[in-house]
Amino acid sequence: MFFLALTPNIDDETRKMMVNRIVFYSMIIMLVSLFAGHLILSFFWYFNGCFASRGWLSSDFCGLESLK
């Protein structure tokens, strides 16, 4: 809905092309971030069980617990 509101004067074919490009670039950015984060954490030998055994939300809670 937000994208449609931003592009009221663009035809549907151009919108599809824009959405495909946005999705592709977003996927590339997320994959690069994932691998870069893994390399950075492995460089510092930081292996926490919270990252390996739990989901994203619970790993946030593990991080908060480790700060206390």
Protein backbone atom coordinates (compact mmCIF):
# COMPACT_ATOMS: atom_id res chain seq x y z
CA MET A 1 0.00 0.00 0.00
CA PHE A 2 2.81 2.40 0.86
CA PHE A 3 4.54 1.74 -2.46
CA LEU A 4 1.30 2.29 -4.37
CA ALA A 5 0.79 5.62 -2.62
CA LEU A 6 4.30 6.73 -3.60
CA THR A 7 3.85 5.80 -7.27
CA PRO A 8 0.38 6.96 -8.32
CA ASN A 9 1.33 8.06 -11.86
CA ILE A 10 3.39 5.01 -12.86
CA ASP A 11 1.94 2.19 -14.92
CA ASP A 12 1.72 -1.38 -13.59
CA GLU A 13 4.52 -2.81 -15.74
CA THR A 14 7.00 -0.21 -14.47
CA ARG A 15 5.86 -0.84 -10.90
CA LYS A 16 6.51 -4.56 -11.30
CA MET A 17 9.99 -3.83 -12.60
CA MET A 18 10.67 -1.48 -9.69
CA VAL A 19 9.40 -3.97 -7.11
CA ASN A 20 11.53 -6.75 -8.59
CA ARG A 21 14.58 -4.53 -8.46
CA ILE A 22 13.85 -3.49 -4.85
CA VAL A 23 13.43 -7.11 -3.78
CA PHE A 24 16.61 -8.18 -5.55
CA TYR A 25 18.74 -5.42 -4.02
CA SER A 26 17.23 -6.01 -0.57
CA MET A 27 18.07 -9.71 -0.81
CA ILE A 28 21.65 -8.93 -1.82
CA ILE A 29 22.07 -6.48 1.07
CA MET A 30 20.68 -9.00 3.58
CA LEU A 31 22.90 -11.83 2.32
CA VAL A 32 26.02 -9.65 2.36
CA SER A 33 25.15 -8.53 5.90
CA LEU A 34 24.62 -12.12 6.99
CA PHE A 35 27.99 -13.31 5.66
CA ALA A 36 29.84 -10.21 6.85
CA GLY A 37 28.37 -10.63 10.33
CA HIS A 38 29.37 -14.28 10.38
CA LEU A 39 32.92 -13.43 9.31
CA ILE A 40 33.24 -10.68 11.89
CA LEU A 41 31.95 -12.88 14.71
CA SER A 42 34.17 -15.80 13.69
CA PHE A 43 37.19 -13.48 13.42
CA PHE A 44 36.79 -12.57 17.09
CA TRP A 45 35.97 -16.22 18.00
CA TYR A 46 32.63 -15.15 19.37
CA PHE A 47 30.41 -18.21 19.47
CA ASN A 48 27.48 -17.83 21.78
CA GLY A 49 24.96 -20.60 22.30
CA CYS A 50 22.18 -18.06 22.00
CA PHE A 51 22.89 -17.57 18.31
CA ALA A 52 23.08 -21.27 17.52
CA SER A 53 20.20 -22.71 19.51
CA ARG A 54 17.50 -20.07 19.62
CA GLY A 55 15.59 -17.75 17.35
CA TRP A 56 16.23 -14.05 16.78
CA LEU A 57 13.97 -12.79 19.55
CA SER A 58 15.34 -15.07 22.21
CA SER A 59 18.91 -14.27 21.18
CA ASP A 60 18.11 -10.63 21.86
CA PHE A 61 17.02 -11.62 25.35
CA CYS A 62 20.23 -13.61 25.80
CA GLY A 63 22.20 -10.53 24.81
CA LEU A 64 20.32 -8.46 27.33
CA GLU A 65 20.95 -11.05 30.03
CA SER A 66 24.67 -11.13 29.28
CA LEU A 67 24.85 -7.36 29.78
CA LYS A 68 23.56 -7.62 33.34
